[in-house]
Amino acid sequence: MDAPTPARPLMDGWFTLDPAHPHLLGNRCTRCGTYYFPKLRTGYCRNPDCDGETFEEIELSNEGTLWSYTDAAYAPPPPYVAADPHVPFGIAAVQLEKERMVVLGQLATGTELRNLELGQPMKLVLEALEDGRLVWKWQPLEGAK
């Protein structure tokens, strides 16, 4: 009997693979504390008031509040991997309080747009695509309203 294939992320280095407590991976300027997601690949801070050039990799908050949402009735372009045929899905913009940033992501399977309310607590989850690769998604935090 073969061992199960380990989970593979769709995009390496963008999130942790802990199914119970996944986190997006970003970085933070060591001089001014500005957070970035995705991680900066340049050698300088984009904060106009900072001349920092060093960054530490960090796990971003895995919970936030729903800032905005919409549906995707059309198939997005690559690198998104669309089902064939395309099935509409929801997109959430979730504000991470500690980092003071908004992160976009697809809504988790089964999340109905009609049940969402701006400002409601959301959490990061991992879901597998049809080919088994993992992506991050947002879903309402259970028990919160």
N, C-alpha and C. Protein backbone atom coordinates (compact mmCIF):
# COMPACT_ATOMS: atom_id res chain seq x y z
N MET A 1 0.85 -1.19 0.00
CA MET A 1 0.00 0.00 0.00
C MET A 1 0.89 1.24 0.00
N ASP A 2 0.63 2.16 -0.91
CA ASP A 2 1.43 3.37 -1.03
C ASP A 2 1.04 4.38 0.05
N ALA A 3 2.05 5.17 0.48
CA ALA A 3 1.80 6.24 1.44
C ALA A 3 1.02 7.34 0.73
N PRO A 4 0.15 8.06 1.45
CA PRO A 4 -0.59 9.15 0.80
C PRO A 4 0.36 10.23 0.31
N THR A 5 -0.01 10.82 -0.82
CA THR A 5 0.78 11.91 -1.38
C THR A 5 0.64 13.13 -0.48
N PRO A 6 1.77 13.76 -0.11
CA PRO A 6 1.66 14.96 0.74
C PRO A 6 0.94 16.08 0.00
N ALA A 7 0.25 16.91 0.77
CA ALA A 7 -0.47 18.05 0.19
C ALA A 7 0.51 18.98 -0.49
N ARG A 8 0.14 19.46 -1.66
CA ARG A 8 0.97 20.41 -2.40
C ARG A 8 0.20 21.71 -2.56
N PRO A 9 0.83 22.82 -2.25
CA PRO A 9 0.14 24.10 -2.45
C PRO A 9 0.14 24.48 -3.92
N LEU A 10 -0.86 25.22 -4.34
CA LEU A 10 -0.89 25.74 -5.71
C LEU A 10 0.28 26.69 -5.92
N MET A 11 0.59 27.49 -4.88
CA MET A 11 1.67 28.46 -4.97
C MET A 11 2.59 28.27 -3.77
N ASP A 12 3.79 27.78 -4.02
CA ASP A 12 4.75 27.54 -2.94
C ASP A 12 5.11 28.83 -2.22
N GLY A 13 5.17 28.73 -0.87
CA GLY A 13 5.63 29.85 -0.06
C GLY A 13 4.60 30.92 0.22
N TRP A 14 3.35 30.71 -0.16
CA TRP A 14 2.32 31.72 0.07
C TRP A 14 1.52 31.46 1.33
N PHE A 15 1.48 30.21 1.81
CA PHE A 15 0.73 29.87 3.01
C PHE A 15 1.28 28.59 3.62
N THR A 16 1.00 28.41 4.93
CA THR A 16 1.42 27.19 5.61
C THR A 16 0.44 26.08 5.25
N LEU A 17 0.85 24.84 5.49
CA LEU A 17 0.02 23.69 5.13
C LEU A 17 -0.64 23.03 6.33
N ASP A 18 -0.71 23.72 7.46
CA ASP A 18 -1.36 23.19 8.64
C ASP A 18 -2.88 23.25 8.43
N PRO A 19 -3.55 22.10 8.24
CA PRO A 19 -4.98 22.14 7.93
C PRO A 19 -5.84 22.72 9.06
N ALA A 20 -5.40 22.58 10.30
CA ALA A 20 -6.19 23.08 11.43
C ALA A 20 -6.00 24.58 11.66
N HIS A 21 -4.79 25.09 11.38
CA HIS A 21 -4.48 26.50 11.63
C HIS A 21 -3.59 27.06 10.53
N PRO A 22 -4.12 27.16 9.30
CA PRO A 22 -3.28 27.69 8.21
C PRO A 22 -3.05 29.19 8.38
N HIS A 23 -1.94 29.65 7.85
CA HIS A 23 -1.60 31.07 7.86
C HIS A 23 -1.05 31.46 6.50
N LEU A 24 -1.36 32.66 6.05
CA LEU A 24 -0.70 33.22 4.89
C LEU A 24 0.70 33.62 5.32
N LEU A 25 1.66 33.55 4.40
CA LEU A 25 3.04 33.93 4.69
C LEU A 25 3.33 35.27 4.05
N GLY A 26 3.73 36.20 4.87
CA GLY A 26 4.07 37.53 4.38
C GLY A 26 5.44 37.90 4.89
N ASN A 27 5.76 39.17 4.80
CA ASN A 27 6.96 39.66 5.47
C ASN A 27 6.69 41.03 6.03
N ARG A 28 7.62 41.46 6.88
CA ARG A 28 7.47 42.71 7.60
C ARG A 28 8.80 43.43 7.59
N CYS A 29 8.76 44.71 7.33
CA CYS A 29 9.97 45.54 7.35
C CYS A 29 10.47 45.60 8.79
N THR A 30 11.75 45.31 8.99
CA THR A 30 12.30 45.32 10.35
C THR A 30 12.51 46.74 10.88
N ARG A 31 12.46 47.72 10.01
CA ARG A 31 12.64 49.11 10.45
C ARG A 31 11.33 49.77 10.86
N CYS A 32 10.30 49.70 10.00
CA CYS A 32 9.05 50.43 10.29
C CYS A 32 7.89 49.51 10.68
N GLY A 33 8.02 48.21 10.46
CA GLY A 33 6.97 47.27 10.84
C GLY A 33 5.86 47.10 9.82
N THR A 34 6.00 47.66 8.62
CA THR A 34 4.98 47.52 7.59
C THR A 34 4.92 46.06 7.13
N TYR A 35 3.69 45.52 7.03
CA TYR A 35 3.47 44.15 6.59
C TYR A 35 3.21 44.10 5.09
N TYR A 36 3.59 42.98 4.47
CA TYR A 36 3.36 42.78 3.05
C TYR A 36 2.85 41.37 2.78
N PHE A 37 1.87 41.28 1.88
CA PHE A 37 1.41 40.02 1.33
C PHE A 37 0.93 40.29 -0.08
N PRO A 38 1.42 39.53 -1.05
CA PRO A 38 2.47 38.52 -0.89
C PRO A 38 3.80 39.16 -0.49
N LYS A 39 4.75 38.30 -0.14
CA LYS A 39 6.05 38.78 0.34
C LYS A 39 6.73 39.67 -0.69
N LEU A 40 7.38 40.71 -0.20
CA LEU A 40 8.17 41.58 -1.07
C LEU A 40 9.35 40.80 -1.63
N ARG A 41 9.62 41.03 -2.87
CA ARG A 41 10.79 40.40 -3.52
C ARG A 41 11.87 41.44 -3.81
N THR A 42 11.61 42.69 -3.40
CA THR A 42 12.57 43.77 -3.62
C THR A 42 13.40 43.99 -2.37
N GLY A 43 14.41 44.79 -2.47
CA GLY A 43 15.30 45.05 -1.34
C GLY A 43 15.00 46.33 -0.59
N TYR A 44 13.82 46.90 -0.81
CA TYR A 44 13.50 48.15 -0.11
C TYR A 44 12.03 48.16 0.30
N CYS A 45 11.73 48.87 1.36
CA CYS A 45 10.37 48.99 1.88
C CYS A 45 9.58 49.94 0.98
N ARG A 46 8.33 49.58 0.70
CA ARG A 46 7.48 50.45 -0.13
C ARG A 46 6.78 51.53 0.67
N ASN A 47 6.96 51.55 1.98
CA ASN A 47 6.42 52.62 2.80
C ASN A 47 7.20 53.89 2.46
N PRO A 48 6.54 54.95 1.98
CA PRO A 48 7.27 56.16 1.56
C PRO A 48 8.01 56.86 2.69
N ASP A 49 7.65 56.57 3.94
CA ASP A 49 8.32 57.20 5.09
C ASP A 49 9.43 56.34 5.66
N CYS A 50 9.81 55.27 4.95
CA CYS A 50 10.80 54.32 5.49
C CYS A 50 11.87 54.04 4.44
N ASP A 51 13.11 53.93 4.91
CA ASP A 51 14.19 53.54 4.00
C ASP A 51 14.74 52.16 4.38
N GLY A 52 13.90 51.34 5.02
CA GLY A 52 14.30 49.99 5.42
C GLY A 52 14.60 49.09 4.23
N GLU A 53 15.53 48.17 4.44
CA GLU A 53 15.92 47.25 3.38
C GLU A 53 15.96 45.80 3.84
N THR A 54 15.57 45.54 5.09
CA THR A 54 15.57 44.15 5.58
C THR A 54 14.16 43.78 6.03
N PHE A 55 13.81 42.51 5.79
CA PHE A 55 12.46 42.02 6.05
C PHE A 55 12.54 40.66 6.72
N GLU A 56 11.56 40.41 7.60
CA GLU A 56 11.48 39.09 8.21
C GLU A 56 10.21 38.41 7.70
N GLU A 57 10.31 37.10 7.42
CA GLU A 57 9.13 36.35 7.01
C GLU A 57 8.28 36.10 8.24
N ILE A 58 6.97 36.26 8.09
CA ILE A 58 6.06 36.08 9.22
C ILE A 58 4.80 35.34 8.76
N GLU A 59 4.13 34.73 9.73
CA GLU A 59 2.80 34.18 9.49
C GLU A 59 1.80 35.30 9.81
N LEU A 60 0.97 35.61 8.85
CA LEU A 60 -0.05 36.63 9.05
C LEU A 60 -1.21 36.07 9.87
N SER A 61 -2.03 36.95 10.41
CA SER A 61 -3.21 36.52 11.15
C SER A 61 -4.07 35.62 10.26
N ASN A 62 -4.70 34.62 10.86
CA ASN A 62 -5.56 33.74 10.07
C ASN A 62 -7.05 34.00 10.33
N GLU A 63 -7.33 35.11 11.00
CA GLU A 63 -8.71 35.56 11.19
C GLU A 63 -8.77 37.06 10.94
N GLY A 64 -9.93 37.51 10.51
CA GLY A 64 -10.13 38.94 10.27
C GLY A 64 -11.61 39.23 10.14
N THR A 65 -11.93 40.42 9.64
CA THR A 65 -13.33 40.80 9.46
C THR A 65 -13.61 41.02 7.98
N LEU A 66 -14.83 40.65 7.59
CA LEU A 66 -15.24 40.78 6.20
C LEU A 66 -15.36 42.27 5.86
N TRP A 67 -14.53 42.72 4.94
CA TRP A 67 -14.47 44.11 4.53
C TRP A 67 -15.33 44.36 3.29
N SER A 68 -15.36 43.36 2.38
CA SER A 68 -16.15 43.44 1.16
C SER A 68 -16.26 42.04 0.56
N TYR A 69 -17.21 41.85 -0.36
CA TYR A 69 -17.32 40.57 -1.04
C TYR A 69 -18.08 40.76 -2.35
N THR A 70 -17.91 39.79 -3.24
CA THR A 70 -18.59 39.80 -4.53
C THR A 70 -18.60 38.38 -5.08
N ASP A 71 -19.19 38.22 -6.26
CA ASP A 71 -19.16 36.91 -6.90
C ASP A 71 -18.31 36.99 -8.16
N ALA A 72 -17.81 35.84 -8.58
CA ALA A 72 -17.04 35.74 -9.82
C ALA A 72 -17.84 34.88 -10.78
N ALA A 73 -18.65 35.54 -11.58
CA ALA A 73 -19.51 34.83 -12.51
C ALA A 73 -18.77 34.43 -13.78
N TYR A 74 -17.53 34.87 -13.91
CA TYR A 74 -16.72 34.54 -15.09
C TYR A 74 -15.45 33.83 -14.62
N ALA A 75 -14.81 33.10 -15.50
CA ALA A 75 -13.57 32.40 -15.15
C ALA A 75 -12.41 33.39 -15.13
N PRO A 76 -11.72 33.54 -13.98
CA PRO A 76 -10.57 34.44 -13.92
C PRO A 76 -9.41 33.91 -14.78
N PRO A 77 -8.48 34.80 -15.14
CA PRO A 77 -7.33 34.38 -15.94
C PRO A 77 -6.31 33.62 -15.09
N PRO A 78 -5.34 32.94 -15.74
CA PRO A 78 -4.26 32.27 -14.99
C PRO A 78 -3.53 33.27 -14.11
N PRO A 79 -3.01 32.90 -12.97
CA PRO A 79 -2.71 31.52 -12.57
C PRO A 79 -3.88 30.78 -11.94
N TYR A 80 -5.08 31.41 -11.89
CA TYR A 80 -6.24 30.72 -11.34
C TYR A 80 -6.52 29.47 -12.17
N VAL A 81 -6.83 28.38 -11.52
CA VAL A 81 -7.15 27.13 -12.20
C VAL A 81 -8.67 26.95 -12.13
N ALA A 82 -9.34 27.20 -13.24
CA ALA A 82 -10.80 27.16 -13.28
C ALA A 82 -11.30 25.76 -13.56
N ALA A 83 -12.43 25.41 -12.95
CA ALA A 83 -13.11 24.16 -13.25
C ALA A 83 -13.65 24.25 -14.68
N ASP A 84 -13.83 23.12 -15.30
CA ASP A 84 -14.36 23.11 -16.65
C ASP A 84 -15.63 22.28 -16.66
N PRO A 85 -16.80 22.86 -16.75
CA PRO A 85 -17.06 24.28 -17.01
C PRO A 85 -16.90 25.11 -15.75
N HIS A 86 -16.73 26.43 -15.94
CA HIS A 86 -16.57 27.35 -14.82
C HIS A 86 -17.82 27.35 -13.95
N VAL A 87 -17.60 27.29 -12.64
CA VAL A 87 -18.69 27.38 -11.67
C VAL A 87 -18.49 28.68 -10.89
N PRO A 88 -19.47 29.60 -10.92
CA PRO A 88 -19.32 30.86 -10.19
C PRO A 88 -19.00 30.63 -8.72
N PHE A 89 -18.25 31.55 -8.12
CA PHE A 89 -17.86 31.44 -6.72
C PHE A 89 -17.77 32.84 -6.13
N GLY A 90 -17.70 32.90 -4.80
CA GLY A 90 -17.59 34.18 -4.12
C GLY A 90 -16.15 34.54 -3.81
N ILE A 91 -15.90 35.84 -3.73
CA ILE A 91 -14.59 36.38 -3.38
C ILE A 91 -14.78 37.29 -2.18
N ALA A 92 -13.90 37.15 -1.18
CA ALA A 92 -13.98 37.98 0.02
C ALA A 92 -12.72 38.82 0.16
N ALA A 93 -12.91 40.04 0.64
CA ALA A 93 -11.81 40.91 1.05
C ALA A 93 -11.88 40.95 2.58
N VAL A 94 -10.87 40.40 3.24
CA VAL A 94 -10.87 40.27 4.69
C VAL A 94 -9.78 41.16 5.29
N GLN A 95 -10.18 41.99 6.24
CA GLN A 95 -9.23 42.89 6.89
C GLN A 95 -8.59 42.20 8.08
N LEU A 96 -7.25 42.16 8.07
CA LEU A 96 -6.48 41.62 9.18
C LEU A 96 -6.15 42.77 10.11
N GLU A 97 -6.65 42.73 11.33
CA GLU A 97 -6.55 43.87 12.24
C GLU A 97 -5.10 44.18 12.62
N LYS A 98 -4.36 43.17 13.06
CA LYS A 98 -2.99 43.40 13.52
C LYS A 98 -2.13 44.00 12.40
N GLU A 99 -2.27 43.45 11.20
CA GLU A 99 -1.43 43.86 10.08
C GLU A 99 -1.96 45.12 9.40
N ARG A 100 -3.21 45.49 9.68
CA ARG A 100 -3.86 46.65 9.06
C ARG A 100 -3.80 46.55 7.54
N MET A 101 -4.21 45.39 7.04
CA MET A 101 -4.24 45.17 5.59
C MET A 101 -5.46 44.33 5.23
N VAL A 102 -5.85 44.40 3.95
CA VAL A 102 -6.96 43.62 3.43
C VAL A 102 -6.41 42.59 2.47
N VAL A 103 -6.84 41.33 2.64
CA VAL A 103 -6.37 40.23 1.80
C VAL A 103 -7.57 39.61 1.08
N LEU A 104 -7.46 39.51 -0.24
CA LEU A 104 -8.50 38.88 -1.05
C LEU A 104 -8.34 37.37 -1.05
N GLY A 105 -9.44 36.69 -1.20
CA GLY A 105 -9.40 35.24 -1.34
C GLY A 105 -10.77 34.74 -1.74
N GLN A 106 -10.79 33.57 -2.32
CA GLN A 106 -12.04 32.93 -2.68
C GLN A 106 -12.77 32.53 -1.41
N LEU A 107 -14.09 32.49 -1.46
CA LEU A 107 -14.88 32.01 -0.33
C LEU A 107 -14.86 30.48 -0.33
N ALA A 108 -14.84 29.90 0.85
CA ALA A 108 -14.82 28.45 1.00
C ALA A 108 -16.08 27.84 0.39
N THR A 109 -15.94 26.63 -0.11
CA THR A 109 -17.07 25.89 -0.66
C THR A 109 -18.21 25.84 0.34
N GLY A 110 -19.41 26.11 -0.13
CA GLY A 110 -20.58 26.07 0.73
C GLY A 110 -20.91 27.40 1.38
N THR A 111 -20.06 28.41 1.23
CA THR A 111 -20.34 29.73 1.80
C THR A 111 -21.25 30.48 0.85
N GLU A 112 -22.40 30.85 1.32
CA GLU A 112 -23.41 31.55 0.51
C GLU A 112 -23.26 33.06 0.68
N LEU A 113 -23.17 33.79 -0.42
CA LEU A 113 -23.05 35.25 -0.35
C LEU A 113 -24.23 35.87 0.40
N ARG A 114 -25.41 35.31 0.22
CA ARG A 114 -26.60 35.90 0.87
C ARG A 114 -26.53 35.82 2.39
N ASN A 115 -25.65 34.96 2.93
CA ASN A 115 -25.53 34.83 4.39
C ASN A 115 -24.40 35.67 4.98
N LEU A 116 -23.70 36.43 4.14
CA LEU A 116 -22.58 37.23 4.63
C LEU A 116 -23.03 38.61 5.05
N GLU A 117 -22.32 39.17 6.04
CA GLU A 117 -22.56 40.54 6.48
C GLU A 117 -21.22 41.24 6.65
N LEU A 118 -21.11 42.45 6.14
CA LEU A 118 -19.87 43.20 6.31
C LEU A 118 -19.54 43.30 7.79
N GLY A 119 -18.27 43.15 8.13
CA GLY A 119 -17.83 43.24 9.51
C GLY A 119 -17.87 41.92 10.26
N GLN A 120 -18.41 40.86 9.65
CA GLN A 120 -18.47 39.59 10.37
C GLN A 120 -17.10 38.93 10.42
N PRO A 121 -16.82 38.16 11.47
CA PRO A 121 -15.53 37.48 11.59
C PRO A 121 -15.37 36.38 10.54
N MET A 122 -14.18 36.31 9.99
CA MET A 122 -13.84 35.31 8.98
C MET A 122 -12.56 34.59 9.39
N LYS A 123 -12.38 33.37 8.88
CA LYS A 123 -11.14 32.64 9.14
C LYS A 123 -10.60 32.04 7.86
N LEU A 124 -9.30 31.83 7.85
CA LEU A 124 -8.60 31.25 6.71
C LEU A 124 -8.71 29.74 6.77
N VAL A 125 -9.01 29.10 5.64
CA VAL A 125 -9.06 27.65 5.54
C VAL A 125 -8.32 27.22 4.28
N LEU A 126 -7.96 25.95 4.22
CA LEU A 126 -7.34 25.38 3.02
C LEU A 126 -8.35 24.45 2.35
N GLU A 127 -8.38 24.48 1.02
CA GLU A 127 -9.21 23.57 0.25
C GLU A 127 -8.42 23.05 -0.93
N ALA A 128 -8.72 21.83 -1.33
CA ALA A 128 -8.06 21.22 -2.47
C ALA A 128 -8.81 21.53 -3.75
N LEU A 129 -8.05 21.80 -4.80
CA LEU A 129 -8.62 21.95 -6.14
C LEU A 129 -8.87 20.55 -6.71
N GLU A 130 -9.44 20.48 -7.90
CA GLU A 130 -9.72 19.18 -8.53
C GLU A 130 -8.46 18.34 -8.70
N ASP A 131 -7.31 18.99 -8.91
CA ASP A 131 -6.06 18.25 -9.12
C ASP A 131 -5.34 17.94 -7.80
N GLY A 132 -5.96 18.31 -6.66
CA GLY A 132 -5.39 18.00 -5.36
C GLY A 132 -4.51 19.08 -4.76
N ARG A 133 -4.13 20.08 -5.55
CA ARG A 133 -3.31 21.17 -5.00
C ARG A 133 -4.17 22.04 -4.09
N LEU A 134 -3.53 22.58 -3.06
CA LEU A 134 -4.24 23.36 -2.05
C LEU A 134 -4.19 24.86 -2.33
N VAL A 135 -5.28 25.53 -1.97
CA VAL A 135 -5.37 26.99 -2.03
C VAL A 135 -5.96 27.47 -0.71
N TRP A 136 -5.75 28.76 -0.41
CA TRP A 136 -6.39 29.32 0.78
C TRP A 136 -7.73 29.92 0.37
N LYS A 137 -8.67 29.89 1.32
CA LYS A 137 -9.98 30.49 1.12
C LYS A 137 -10.43 31.09 2.44
N TRP A 138 -11.49 31.90 2.37
CA TRP A 138 -12.06 32.51 3.57
C TRP A 138 -13.44 31.90 3.84
N GLN A 139 -13.74 31.70 5.12
CA GLN A 139 -15.09 31.27 5.49
C GLN A 139 -15.49 31.95 6.78
N PRO A 140 -16.80 32.12 6.99
CA PRO A 140 -17.25 32.74 8.25
C PRO A 140 -16.77 31.93 9.45
N LEU A 141 -16.40 32.63 10.50
CA LEU A 141 -15.98 32.01 11.75
C LEU A 141 -17.22 31.42 12.41
N GLU A 142 -17.19 30.15 12.69
CA GLU A 142 -18.35 29.48 13.29
C GLU A 142 -18.71 30.07 14.63
N GLY A 143 -20.01 30.20 14.86
CA GLY A 143 -20.49 30.69 16.14
C GLY A 143 -20.42 32.19 16.28
N ALA A 144 -19.88 32.90 15.30
CA ALA A 144 -19.78 34.36 15.40
C ALA A 144 -20.81 34.99 14.49
N LYS A 145 -21.33 36.08 14.87
CA LYS A 145 -22.26 36.81 14.01
C LYS A 145 -22.23 38.26 14.38
